[in-house]
């Protein structure tokens, strides 16, 4: 952690590092993940002196993690299903929701 970082960021770093290690990451990789995540959050909140565009304009780490956590159980996204329907030439695809696209494509998920 950089000098002068807040206690909140120190706790956040430790929490992320421990979570990564619990998932089976090596100690070095866990430190890297934690540092990158905390540094990005510091940049997003204006706590760092410099910040690149991806750090300030990309979605937050928390939101991205939340999206990833459910990927295995939800199957393909609406956009992925729509593109597959377009490739296969499914008629009426623009009026279909996700479940109708899945049925039209013969997908179960």
PDB file of N, CA and C in Angstrom:
ATOM      1  N   UNK A   1       0.850  -1.193   0.000  1.00  0.00           N
ATOM      2  CA  UNK A   1       0.000   0.000   0.000  1.00  0.00           C
ATOM      3  C   UNK A   1       0.890   1.249   0.000  1.00  0.00           C
ATOM      4  N   UNK A   2       0.448   2.278  -0.693  1.00  0.00           N
ATOM      5  CA  UNK A   2       1.227   3.520  -0.714  1.00  0.00           C
ATOM      6  C   UNK A   2       1.286   4.172   0.664  1.00  0.00           C
ATOM      7  N   UNK A   3       2.318   4.960   0.857  1.00  0.00           N
ATOM      8  CA  UNK A   3       2.433   5.689   2.121  1.00  0.00           C
ATOM      9  C   UNK A   3       1.244   6.622   2.299  1.00  0.00           C
ATOM     10  N   UNK A   4       0.728   6.692   3.499  1.00  0.00           N
ATOM     11  CA  UNK A   4      -0.359   7.615   3.781  1.00  0.00           C
ATOM     12  C   UNK A   4      -1.724   7.106   3.368  1.00  0.00           C
ATOM     13  N   UNK A   5      -1.842   5.816   3.027  1.00  0.00           N
ATOM     14  CA  UNK A   5      -3.158   5.309   2.635  1.00  0.00           C
ATOM     15  C   UNK A   5      -4.033   5.192   3.886  1.00  0.00           C
ATOM     16  N   UNK A   6      -5.307   5.298   3.680  1.00  0.00           N
ATOM     17  CA  UNK A   6      -6.250   5.329   4.799  1.00  0.00           C
ATOM     18  C   UNK A   6      -6.436   3.939   5.415  1.00  0.00           C
ATOM     19  N   UNK A   7      -6.861   3.900   6.672  1.00  0.00           N
ATOM     20  CA  UNK A   7      -7.146   2.612   7.315  1.00  0.00           C
ATOM     21  C   UNK A   7      -8.200   1.808   6.550  1.00  0.00           C
ATOM     22  N   UNK A   8      -9.163   2.517   5.950  1.00  0.00           N
ATOM     23  CA  UNK A   8     -10.188   1.827   5.168  1.00  0.00           C
ATOM     24  C   UNK A   8      -9.550   1.064   4.004  1.00  0.00           C
ATOM     25  N   UNK A   9      -8.631   1.713   3.289  1.00  0.00           N
ATOM     26  CA  UNK A   9      -7.978   1.065   2.152  1.00  0.00           C
ATOM     27  C   UNK A   9      -7.071  -0.076   2.615  1.00  0.00           C
ATOM     28  N   UNK A  10      -6.465   0.073   3.777  1.00  0.00           N
ATOM     29  CA  UNK A  10      -5.647  -1.015   4.331  1.00  0.00           C
ATOM     30  C   UNK A  10      -6.516  -2.241   4.605  1.00  0.00           C
ATOM     31  N   UNK A  11      -7.678  -2.026   5.213  1.00  0.00           N
ATOM     32  CA  UNK A  11      -8.606  -3.131   5.490  1.00  0.00           C
ATOM     33  C   UNK A  11      -9.097  -3.759   4.188  1.00  0.00           C
ATOM     34  N   UNK A  12      -9.404  -2.906   3.215  1.00  0.00           N
ATOM     35  CA  UNK A  12      -9.888  -3.388   1.928  1.00  0.00           C
ATOM     36  C   UNK A  12      -8.809  -4.256   1.259  1.00  0.00           C
ATOM     37  N   UNK A  13      -7.573  -3.801   1.297  1.00  0.00           N
ATOM     38  CA  UNK A  13      -6.450  -4.543   0.719  1.00  0.00           C
ATOM     39  C   UNK A  13      -6.330  -5.919   1.365  1.00  0.00           C
ATOM     40  N   UNK A  14      -6.341  -5.953   2.694  1.00  0.00           N
ATOM     41  CA  UNK A  14      -6.207  -7.227   3.413  1.00  0.00           C
ATOM     42  C   UNK A  14      -7.369  -8.168   3.095  1.00  0.00           C
ATOM     43  N   UNK A  15      -8.574  -7.629   3.054  1.00  0.00           N
ATOM     44  CA  UNK A  15      -9.751  -8.444   2.774  1.00  0.00           C
ATOM     45  C   UNK A  15      -9.661  -9.065   1.374  1.00  0.00           C
ATOM     46  N   UNK A  16      -9.295  -8.259   0.376  1.00  0.00           N
ATOM     47  CA  UNK A  16      -9.191  -8.753  -0.996  1.00  0.00           C
ATOM     48  C   UNK A  16      -8.075  -9.783  -1.104  1.00  0.00           C
ATOM     49  N   UNK A  17      -6.947  -9.508  -0.438  1.00  0.00           N
ATOM     50  CA  UNK A  17      -5.816 -10.431  -0.479  1.00  0.00           C
ATOM     51  C   UNK A  17      -6.197 -11.778   0.134  1.00  0.00           C
ATOM     52  N   UNK A  18      -6.853 -11.752   1.286  1.00  0.00           N
ATOM     53  CA  UNK A  18      -7.265 -13.000   1.937  1.00  0.00           C
ATOM     54  C   UNK A  18      -8.296 -13.756   1.105  1.00  0.00           C
ATOM     55  N   UNK A  19      -9.220 -13.036   0.489  1.00  0.00           N
ATOM     56  CA  UNK A  19     -10.234 -13.678  -0.363  1.00  0.00           C
ATOM     57  C   UNK A  19      -9.582 -14.369  -1.553  1.00  0.00           C
ATOM     58  N   UNK A  20      -8.601 -13.719  -2.146  1.00  0.00           N
ATOM     59  CA  UNK A  20      -7.907 -14.308  -3.292  1.00  0.00           C
ATOM     60  C   UNK A  20      -7.147 -15.567  -2.869  1.00  0.00           C
ATOM     61  N   UNK A  21      -6.524 -15.516  -1.709  1.00  0.00           N
ATOM     62  CA  UNK A  21      -5.805 -16.692  -1.224  1.00  0.00           C
ATOM     63  C   UNK A  21      -6.774 -17.829  -0.904  1.00  0.00           C
ATOM     64  N   UNK A  22      -7.941 -17.495  -0.374  1.00  0.00           N
ATOM     65  CA  UNK A  22      -8.951 -18.517  -0.092  1.00  0.00           C
ATOM     66  C   UNK A  22      -9.420 -19.190  -1.377  1.00  0.00           C
ATOM     67  N   UNK A  23      -9.412 -18.449  -2.482  1.00  0.00           N
ATOM     68  CA  UNK A  23      -9.809 -19.011  -3.777  1.00  0.00           C
ATOM     69  C   UNK A  23      -8.689 -19.830  -4.404  1.00  0.00           C
ATOM     70  N   UNK A  24      -7.522 -19.848  -3.782  1.00  0.00           N
ATOM     71  CA  UNK A  24      -6.423 -20.667  -4.280  1.00  0.00           C
ATOM     72  C   UNK A  24      -5.341 -19.917  -5.019  1.00  0.00           C
ATOM     73  N   UNK A  25      -5.386 -18.594  -5.029  1.00  0.00           N
ATOM     74  CA  UNK A  25      -4.332 -17.813  -5.683  1.00  0.00           C
ATOM     75  C   UNK A  25      -3.062 -17.882  -4.834  1.00  0.00           C
ATOM     76  N   UNK A  26      -1.910 -17.767  -5.482  1.00  0.00           N
ATOM     77  CA  UNK A  26      -0.650 -17.738  -4.740  1.00  0.00           C
ATOM     78  C   UNK A  26      -0.577 -16.433  -3.942  1.00  0.00           C
ATOM     79  N   UNK A  27       0.321 -16.390  -2.987  1.00  0.00           N
ATOM     80  CA  UNK A  27       0.450 -15.187  -2.155  1.00  0.00           C
ATOM     81  C   UNK A  27       0.814 -13.971  -3.001  1.00  0.00           C
ATOM     82  N   UNK A  28       1.723 -14.139  -3.942  1.00  0.00           N
ATOM     83  CA  UNK A  28       2.129 -13.026  -4.803  1.00  0.00           C
ATOM     84  C   UNK A  28       0.994 -12.537  -5.689  1.00  0.00           C
ATOM     85  N   UNK A  29       0.266 -13.478  -6.264  1.00  0.00           N
ATOM     86  CA  UNK A  29      -0.863 -13.103  -7.129  1.00  0.00           C
ATOM     87  C   UNK A  29      -1.960 -12.438  -6.305  1.00  0.00           C
ATOM     88  N   UNK A  30      -2.193 -12.929  -5.088  1.00  0.00           N
ATOM     89  CA  UNK A  30      -3.209 -12.341  -4.216  1.00  0.00           C
ATOM     90  C   UNK A  30      -2.848 -10.896  -3.878  1.00  0.00           C
ATOM     91  N   UNK A  31      -1.581 -10.637  -3.608  1.00  0.00           N
ATOM     92  CA  UNK A  31      -1.135  -9.267  -3.326  1.00  0.00           C
ATOM     93  C   UNK A  31      -1.340  -8.371  -4.535  1.00  0.00           C
ATOM     94  N   UNK A  32      -1.027  -8.898  -5.727  1.00  0.00           N
ATOM     95  CA  UNK A  32      -1.181  -8.115  -6.949  1.00  0.00           C
ATOM     96  C   UNK A  32      -2.648  -7.766  -7.194  1.00  0.00           C
ATOM     97  N   UNK A  33      -3.529  -8.732  -7.042  1.00  0.00           N
ATOM     98  CA  UNK A  33      -4.959  -8.491  -7.235  1.00  0.00           C
ATOM     99  C   UNK A  33      -5.451  -7.435  -6.259  1.00  0.00           C
ATOM    100  N   UNK A  34      -5.064  -7.582  -4.997  1.00  0.00           N
ATOM    101  CA  UNK A  34      -5.503  -6.639  -3.969  1.00  0.00           C
ATOM    102  C   UNK A  34      -4.982  -5.231  -4.250  1.00  0.00           C
ATOM    103  N   UNK A  35      -3.708  -5.120  -4.610  1.00  0.00           N
ATOM    104  CA  UNK A  35      -3.122  -3.803  -4.865  1.00  0.00           C
ATOM    105  C   UNK A  35      -3.782  -3.133  -6.063  1.00  0.00           C
ATOM    106  N   UNK A  36      -3.993  -3.886  -7.133  1.00  0.00           N
ATOM    107  CA  UNK A  36      -4.610  -3.297  -8.323  1.00  0.00           C
ATOM    108  C   UNK A  36      -6.035  -2.831  -8.029  1.00  0.00           C
ATOM    109  N   UNK A  37      -6.776  -3.656  -7.303  1.00  0.00           N
ATOM    110  CA  UNK A  37      -8.158  -3.308  -6.989  1.00  0.00           C
ATOM    111  C   UNK A  37      -8.228  -2.066  -6.108  1.00  0.00           C
ATOM    112  N   UNK A  38      -7.428  -2.033  -5.067  1.00  0.00           N
ATOM    113  CA  UNK A  38      -7.440  -0.892  -4.154  1.00  0.00           C
ATOM    114  C   UNK A  38      -6.956   0.371  -4.855  1.00  0.00           C
ATOM    115  N   UNK A  39      -5.913   0.247  -5.679  1.00  0.00           N
ATOM    116  CA  UNK A  39      -5.428   1.418  -6.403  1.00  0.00           C
ATOM    117  C   UNK A  39      -6.486   1.964  -7.351  1.00  0.00           C
ATOM    118  N   UNK A  40      -7.236   1.074  -7.989  1.00  0.00           N
ATOM    119  CA  UNK A  40      -8.291   1.533  -8.889  1.00  0.00           C
ATOM    120  C   UNK A  40      -9.382   2.255  -8.095  1.00  0.00           C
ATOM    121  N   UNK A  41      -9.758   1.709  -6.955  1.00  0.00           N
ATOM    122  CA  UNK A  41     -10.777   2.355  -6.124  1.00  0.00           C
ATOM    123  C   UNK A  41     -10.298   3.710  -5.609  1.00  0.00           C
ATOM    124  N   UNK A  42      -9.011   3.798  -5.263  1.00  0.00           N
ATOM    125  CA  UNK A  42      -8.452   5.085  -4.831  1.00  0.00           C
ATOM    126  C   UNK A  42      -8.527   6.101  -5.955  1.00  0.00           C
ATOM    127  N   UNK A  43      -8.215   5.668  -7.178  1.00  0.00           N
ATOM    128  CA  UNK A  43      -8.267   6.578  -8.322  1.00  0.00           C
ATOM    129  C   UNK A  43      -9.706   7.017  -8.596  1.00  0.00           C
ATOM    130  N   UNK A  44     -10.648   6.101  -8.502  1.00  0.00           N
ATOM    131  CA  UNK A  44     -12.047   6.417  -8.766  1.00  0.00           C
ATOM    132  C   UNK A  44     -12.597   7.424  -7.768  1.00  0.00           C
ATOM    133  N   UNK A  45     -12.115   7.359  -6.541  1.00  0.00           N
ATOM    134  CA  UNK A  45     -12.634   8.253  -5.510  1.00  0.00           C
ATOM    135  C   UNK A  45     -11.795   9.524  -5.343  1.00  0.00           C
ATOM    136  N   UNK A  46     -10.778   9.704  -6.191  1.00  0.00           N
ATOM    137  CA  UNK A  46      -9.982  10.924  -6.144  1.00  0.00           C
ATOM    138  C   UNK A  46      -8.923  10.943  -5.064  1.00  0.00           C
ATOM    139  N   UNK A  47      -8.546   9.780  -4.547  1.00  0.00           N
ATOM    140  CA  UNK A  47      -7.545   9.714  -3.481  1.00  0.00           C
ATOM    141  C   UNK A  47      -6.120   9.636  -4.010  1.00  0.00           C
ATOM    142  N   UNK A  48      -5.944   9.421  -5.316  1.00  0.00           N
ATOM    143  CA  UNK A  48      -4.591   9.327  -5.862  1.00  0.00           C
ATOM    144  C   UNK A  48      -4.260  10.584  -6.658  1.00  0.00           C
ATOM    145  N   UNK A  49      -2.970  10.844  -6.809  1.00  0.00           N
ATOM    146  CA  UNK A  49      -2.547  12.055  -7.520  1.00  0.00           C
ATOM    147  C   UNK A  49      -2.789  11.938  -9.020  1.00  0.00           C
ATOM    148  N   UNK A  50      -2.603  10.749  -9.560  1.00  0.00           N
ATOM    149  CA  UNK A  50      -2.835  10.531 -10.989  1.00  0.00           C
ATOM    150  C   UNK A  50      -3.800   9.371 -11.166  1.00  0.00           C
ATOM    151  N   UNK A  51      -4.585   9.439 -12.226  1.00  0.00           N
ATOM    152  CA  UNK A  51      -5.520   8.362 -12.520  1.00  0.00           C
ATOM    153  C   UNK A  51      -5.753   8.299 -14.015  1.00  0.00           C
ATOM    154  N   UNK A  52      -5.638   7.112 -14.566  1.00  0.00           N
ATOM    155  CA  UNK A  52      -5.881   6.929 -15.991  1.00  0.00           C
ATOM    156  C   UNK A  52      -7.372   6.855 -16.288  1.00  0.00           C
ATOM    157  N   UNK A  53      -7.707   6.997 -17.549  1.00  0.00           N
ATOM    158  CA  UNK A  53      -9.106   6.956 -17.958  1.00  0.00           C
ATOM    159  C   UNK A  53      -9.810   5.658 -17.564  1.00  0.00           C
ATOM    160  N   UNK A  54      -9.201   4.475 -17.765  1.00  0.00           N
ATOM    161  CA  UNK A  54      -9.917   3.254 -17.389  1.00  0.00           C
ATOM    162  C   UNK A  54     -10.255   3.197 -15.891  1.00  0.00           C
ATOM    163  N   UNK A  55      -9.396   3.754 -15.075  1.00  0.00           N
ATOM    164  CA  UNK A  55      -9.649   3.726 -13.639  1.00  0.00           C
ATOM    165  C   UNK A  55     -10.822   4.594 -13.232  1.00  0.00           C
ATOM    166  N   UNK A  56     -11.013   5.683 -13.942  1.00  0.00           N
ATOM    167  CA  UNK A  56     -12.057   6.615 -13.530  1.00  0.00           C
ATOM    168  C   UNK A  56     -13.364   6.437 -14.285  1.00  0.00           C
ATOM    169  N   UNK A  57     -13.325   5.874 -15.499  1.00  0.00           N
ATOM    170  CA  UNK A  57     -14.541   5.788 -16.294  1.00  0.00           C
ATOM    171  C   UNK A  57     -15.088   4.382 -16.448  1.00  0.00           C
ATOM    172  N   UNK A  58     -14.312   3.368 -16.114  1.00  0.00           N
ATOM    173  CA  UNK A  58     -14.771   1.990 -16.220  1.00  0.00           C
ATOM    174  C   UNK A  58     -15.713   1.681 -15.053  1.00  0.00           C
ATOM    175  N   UNK A  59     -16.434   0.555 -15.125  1.00  0.00           N
ATOM    176  CA  UNK A  59     -17.327   0.212 -14.017  1.00  0.00           C
ATOM    177  C   UNK A  59     -16.512  -0.121 -12.766  1.00  0.00           C
ATOM    178  N   UNK A  60     -17.122   0.020 -11.617  1.00  0.00           N
ATOM    179  CA  UNK A  60     -16.403  -0.199 -10.365  1.00  0.00           C
ATOM    180  C   UNK A  60     -16.066  -1.682 -10.189  1.00  0.00           C
ATOM    181  N   UNK A  61     -15.065  -1.957  -9.396  1.00  0.00           N
ATOM    182  CA  UNK A  61     -14.644  -3.325  -9.141  1.00  0.00           C
ATOM    183  C   UNK A  61     -15.760  -4.130  -8.490  1.00  0.00           C
ATOM    184  N   UNK A  62     -16.491  -3.485  -7.594  1.00  0.00           N
ATOM    185  CA  UNK A  62     -17.597  -4.177  -6.923  1.00  0.00           C
ATOM    186  C   UNK A  62     -18.688  -4.577  -7.888  1.00  0.00           C
ATOM    187  N   UNK A  63     -19.019  -3.703  -8.794  1.00  0.00           N
ATOM    188  CA  UNK A  63     -20.061  -4.025  -9.776  1.00  0.00           C
ATOM    189  C   UNK A  63     -19.592  -5.141 -10.704  1.00  0.00           C
ATOM    190  N   UNK A  64     -18.360  -5.055 -11.147  1.00  0.00           N
ATOM    191  CA  UNK A  64     -17.832  -6.083 -12.047  1.00  0.00           C
ATOM    192  C   UNK A  64     -17.809  -7.441 -11.348  1.00  0.00           C
ATOM    193  N   UNK A  65     -17.378  -7.466 -10.106  1.00  0.00           N
ATOM    194  CA  UNK A  65     -17.360  -8.726  -9.365  1.00  0.00           C
ATOM    195  C   UNK A  65     -18.750  -9.305  -9.186  1.00  0.00           C
ATOM    196  N   UNK A  66     -19.709  -8.440  -8.940  1.00  0.00           N
ATOM    197  CA  UNK A  66     -21.087  -8.896  -8.803  1.00  0.00           C
ATOM    198  C   UNK A  66     -21.620  -9.489 -10.081  1.00  0.00           C
ATOM    199  N   UNK A  67     -21.237  -8.936 -11.207  1.00  0.00           N
ATOM    200  CA  UNK A  67     -21.673  -9.492 -12.486  1.00  0.00           C
ATOM    201  C   UNK A  67     -21.031 -10.840 -12.747  1.00  0.00           C
ATOM    202  N   UNK A  68     -19.795 -10.977 -12.353  1.00  0.00           N
ATOM    203  CA  UNK A  68     -19.097 -12.240 -12.595  1.00  0.00           C
ATOM    204  C   UNK A  68     -19.603 -13.350 -11.695  1.00  0.00           C
ATOM    205  N   UNK A  69     -20.037 -13.017 -10.508  1.00  0.00           N
ATOM    206  CA  UNK A  69     -20.379 -14.048  -9.541  1.00  0.00           C
ATOM    207  C   UNK A  69     -21.552 -14.906  -9.983  1.00  0.00           C
ATOM    208  N   UNK A  70     -22.442 -14.387 -10.802  1.00  0.00           N
ATOM    209  CA  UNK A  70     -23.594 -15.166 -11.209  1.00  0.00           C
ATOM    210  C   UNK A  70     -23.492 -15.756 -12.597  1.00  0.00           C
ATOM    211  N   UNK A  71     -22.372 -15.589 -13.261  1.00  0.00           N
ATOM    212  CA  UNK A  71     -22.259 -16.006 -14.659  1.00  0.00           C
ATOM    213  C   UNK A  71     -22.491 -17.499 -14.856  1.00  0.00           C
ATOM    214  N   UNK A  72     -21.986 -18.331 -13.981  1.00  0.00           N
ATOM    215  CA  UNK A  72     -22.092 -19.770 -14.181  1.00  0.00           C
ATOM    216  C   UNK A  72     -23.513 -20.283 -14.179  1.00  0.00           C
ATOM    217  N   UNK A  73     -24.386 -19.681 -13.400  1.00  0.00           N
ATOM    218  CA  UNK A  73     -25.739 -20.198 -13.270  1.00  0.00           C
ATOM    219  C   UNK A  73     -26.714 -19.560 -14.255  1.00  0.00           C
ATOM    220  N   UNK A  74     -26.368 -18.445 -14.859  1.00  0.00           N
ATOM    221  CA  UNK A  74     -27.315 -17.739 -15.711  1.00  0.00           C
ATOM    222  C   UNK A  74     -27.165 -18.058 -17.191  1.00  0.00           C
ATOM    223  N   UNK A  75     -26.117 -18.719 -17.591  1.00  0.00           N
ATOM    224  CA  UNK A  75     -25.925 -19.035 -18.995  1.00  0.00           C
ATOM    225  C   UNK A  75     -25.533 -17.825 -19.806  1.00  0.00           C
ATOM    226  N   UNK A  76     -25.762 -17.888 -21.125  1.00  0.00           N
ATOM    227  CA  UNK A  76     -25.373 -16.779 -21.997  1.00  0.00           C
ATOM    228  C   UNK A  76     -26.222 -15.536 -21.749  1.00  0.00           C
ATOM    229  N   UNK A  77     -25.659 -14.389 -22.063  1.00  0.00           N
ATOM    230  CA  UNK A  77     -26.379 -13.136 -21.885  1.00  0.00           C
ATOM    231  C   UNK A  77     -27.401 -12.951 -23.000  1.00  0.00           C
ATOM    232  N   UNK A  78     -28.296 -11.998 -22.825  1.00  0.00           N
ATOM    233  CA  UNK A  78     -29.277 -11.666 -23.855  1.00  0.00           C
ATOM    234  C   UNK A  78     -28.570 -11.309 -25.159  1.00  0.00           C
ATOM    235  N   UNK A  79     -27.525 -10.473 -25.063  1.00  0.00           N
ATOM    236  CA  UNK A  79     -26.808 -10.044 -26.262  1.00  0.00           C
ATOM    237  C   UNK A  79     -26.174 -11.224 -27.000  1.00  0.00           C
ATOM    238  N   UNK A  80     -25.614 -12.176 -26.230  1.00  0.00           N
ATOM    239  CA  UNK A  80     -25.021 -13.354 -26.856  1.00  0.00           C
ATOM    240  C   UNK A  80     -26.091 -14.190 -27.554  1.00  0.00           C
ATOM    241  N   UNK A  81     -27.233 -14.362 -26.889  1.00  0.00           N
ATOM    242  CA  UNK A  81     -28.329 -15.115 -27.494  1.00  0.00           C
ATOM    243  C   UNK A  81     -28.847 -14.412 -28.748  1.00  0.00           C
ATOM    244  N   UNK A  82     -28.979 -13.096 -28.677  1.00  0.00           N
ATOM    245  CA  UNK A  82     -29.477 -12.342 -29.820  1.00  0.00           C
ATOM    246  C   UNK A  82     -28.539 -12.493 -31.020  1.00  0.00           C
ATOM    247  N   UNK A  83     -27.240 -12.398 -30.771  1.00  0.00           N
ATOM    248  CA  UNK A  83     -26.271 -12.546 -31.861  1.00  0.00           C
ATOM    249  C   UNK A  83     -26.331 -13.941 -32.472  1.00  0.00           C
ATOM    250  N   UNK A  84     -26.491 -14.943 -31.623  1.00  0.00           N
ATOM    251  CA  UNK A  84     -26.613 -16.309 -32.136  1.00  0.00           C
ATOM    252  C   UNK A  84     -27.884 -16.455 -32.967  1.00  0.00           C
ATOM    253  N   UNK A  85     -28.985 -15.861 -32.513  1.00  0.00           N
ATOM    254  CA  UNK A  85     -30.243 -15.893 -33.263  1.00  0.00           C
ATOM    255  C   UNK A  85     -30.074 -15.186 -34.603  1.00  0.00           C
ATOM    256  N   UNK A  86     -29.342 -14.081 -34.611  1.00  0.00           N
ATOM    257  CA  UNK A  86     -29.091 -13.357 -35.849  1.00  0.00           C
ATOM    258  C   UNK A  86     -28.293 -14.230 -36.820  1.00  0.00           C
ATOM    259  N   UNK A  87     -27.253 -14.891 -36.294  1.00  0.00           N
ATOM    260  CA  UNK A  87     -26.435 -15.773 -37.137  1.00  0.00           C
ATOM    261  C   UNK A  87     -27.271 -16.906 -37.731  1.00  0.00           C
ATOM    262  N   UNK A  88     -28.202 -17.429 -36.930  1.00  0.00           N
ATOM    263  CA  UNK A  88     -29.031 -18.548 -37.388  1.00  0.00           C
ATOM    264  C   UNK A  88     -30.255 -18.092 -38.197  1.00  0.00           C
ATOM    265  N   UNK A  89     -30.488 -16.785 -38.264  1.00  0.00           N
ATOM    266  CA  UNK A  89     -31.600 -16.274 -39.040  1.00  0.00           C
ATOM    267  C   UNK A  89     -32.965 -16.484 -38.396  1.00  0.00           C
ATOM    268  N   UNK A  90     -33.033 -16.424 -37.062  1.00  0.00           N
ATOM    269  CA  UNK A  90     -34.307 -16.606 -36.350  1.00  0.00           C
ATOM    270  C   UNK A  90     -35.196 -15.397 -36.623  1.00  0.00           C
ATOM    271  N   UNK A  91     -36.384 -15.649 -37.108  1.00  0.00           N
ATOM    272  CA  UNK A  91     -37.335 -14.573 -37.418  1.00  0.00           C
ATOM    273  C   UNK A  91     -37.967 -14.040 -36.136  1.00  0.00           C
ATOM    274  N   UNK A  92     -38.191 -12.738 -36.060  1.00  0.00           N
ATOM    275  CA  UNK A  92     -38.839 -12.116 -34.916  1.00  0.00           C
ATOM    276  C   UNK A  92     -37.954 -11.961 -33.694  1.00  0.00           C
ATOM    277  N   UNK A  93     -36.654 -12.116 -33.874  1.00  0.00           N
ATOM    278  CA  UNK A  93     -35.731 -12.074 -32.727  1.00  0.00           C
ATOM    279  C   UNK A  93     -35.712 -10.720 -32.025  1.00  0.00           C
ATOM    280  N   UNK A  94     -35.976  -9.631 -32.753  1.00  0.00           N
ATOM    281  CA  UNK A  94     -35.908  -8.306 -32.138  1.00  0.00           C
ATOM    282  C   UNK A  94     -37.041  -8.088 -31.135  1.00  0.00           C
ATOM    283  N   UNK A  95     -38.102  -8.872 -31.222  1.00  0.00           N
ATOM    284  CA  UNK A  95     -39.216  -8.744 -30.276  1.00  0.00           C
ATOM    285  C   UNK A  95     -39.149  -9.757 -29.140  1.00  0.00           C
ATOM    286  N   UNK A  96     -38.109 -10.576 -29.108  1.00  0.00           N
ATOM    287  CA  UNK A  96     -38.004 -11.640 -28.100  1.00  0.00           C
ATOM    288  C   UNK A  96     -37.220 -11.190 -26.883  1.00  0.00           C
ATOM    289  N   UNK A  97     -37.636 -11.711 -25.721  1.00  0.00           N
ATOM    290  CA  UNK A  97     -36.849 -11.503 -24.509  1.00  0.00           C
ATOM    291  C   UNK A  97     -35.862 -12.669 -24.372  1.00  0.00           C
ATOM    292  N   UNK A  98     -35.115 -12.687 -23.291  1.00  0.00           N
ATOM    293  CA  UNK A  98     -34.061 -13.682 -23.136  1.00  0.00           C
ATOM    294  C   UNK A  98     -34.615 -15.101 -23.155  1.00  0.00           C
ATOM    295  N   UNK A  99     -35.681 -15.353 -22.417  1.00  0.00           N
ATOM    296  CA  UNK A  99     -36.205 -16.721 -22.344  1.00  0.00           C
ATOM    297  C   UNK A  99     -36.758 -17.180 -23.700  1.00  0.00           C
ATOM    298  N   UNK A 100     -37.384 -16.269 -24.447  1.00  0.00           N
ATOM    299  CA  UNK A 100     -37.899 -16.640 -25.769  1.00  0.00           C
ATOM    300  C   UNK A 100     -36.753 -16.902 -26.745  1.00  0.00           C
ATOM    301  N   UNK A 101     -35.686 -16.129 -26.637  1.00  0.00           N
ATOM    302  CA  UNK A 101     -34.513 -16.399 -27.473  1.00  0.00           C
ATOM    303  C   UNK A 101     -33.919 -17.769 -27.154  1.00  0.00           C
ATOM    304  N   UNK A 102     -33.855 -18.093 -25.857  1.00  0.00           N
ATOM    305  CA  UNK A 102     -33.327 -19.404 -25.461  1.00  0.00           C
ATOM    306  C   UNK A 102     -34.176 -20.527 -26.054  1.00  0.00           C
ATOM    307  N   UNK A 103     -35.499 -20.378 -25.972  1.00  0.00           N
ATOM    308  CA  UNK A 103     -36.386 -21.403 -26.530  1.00  0.00           C
ATOM    309  C   UNK A 103     -36.225 -21.502 -28.041  1.00  0.00           C
ATOM    310  N   UNK A 104     -36.147 -20.362 -28.724  1.00  0.00           N
ATOM    311  CA  UNK A 104     -36.014 -20.342 -30.164  1.00  0.00           C
ATOM    312  C   UNK A 104     -34.709 -21.000 -30.628  1.00  0.00           C
ATOM    313  N   UNK A 105     -33.676 -20.871 -29.801  1.00  0.00           N
ATOM    314  CA  UNK A 105     -32.387 -21.447 -30.152  1.00  0.00           C
ATOM    315  C   UNK A 105     -32.245 -22.886 -29.654  1.00  0.00           C
ATOM    316  N   UNK A 106     -33.219 -23.331 -28.847  1.00  0.00           N
ATOM    317  CA  UNK A 106     -33.151 -24.699 -28.309  1.00  0.00           C
ATOM    318  C   UNK A 106     -32.247 -24.816 -27.116  1.00  0.00           C
ATOM    319  N   UNK A 107     -31.911 -23.690 -26.474  1.00  0.00           N
ATOM    320  CA  UNK A 107     -31.043 -23.706 -25.282  1.00  0.00           C
ATOM    321  C   UNK A 107     -31.892 -23.951 -24.043  1.00  0.00           C
ATOM    322  N   UNK A 108     -31.309 -24.586 -23.086  1.00  0.00           N
ATOM    323  CA  UNK A 108     -32.018 -24.880 -21.834  1.00  0.00           C
ATOM    324  C   UNK A 108     -31.737 -23.825 -20.759  1.00  0.00           C
ATOM    325  N   UNK A 109     -30.534 -23.133 -20.804  1.00  0.00           N
ATOM    326  CA  UNK A 109     -30.114 -22.245 -19.733  1.00  0.00           C
ATOM    327  C   UNK A 109     -30.633 -20.893 -19.859  1.00  0.00           C
TER     328      UNK A 109
END
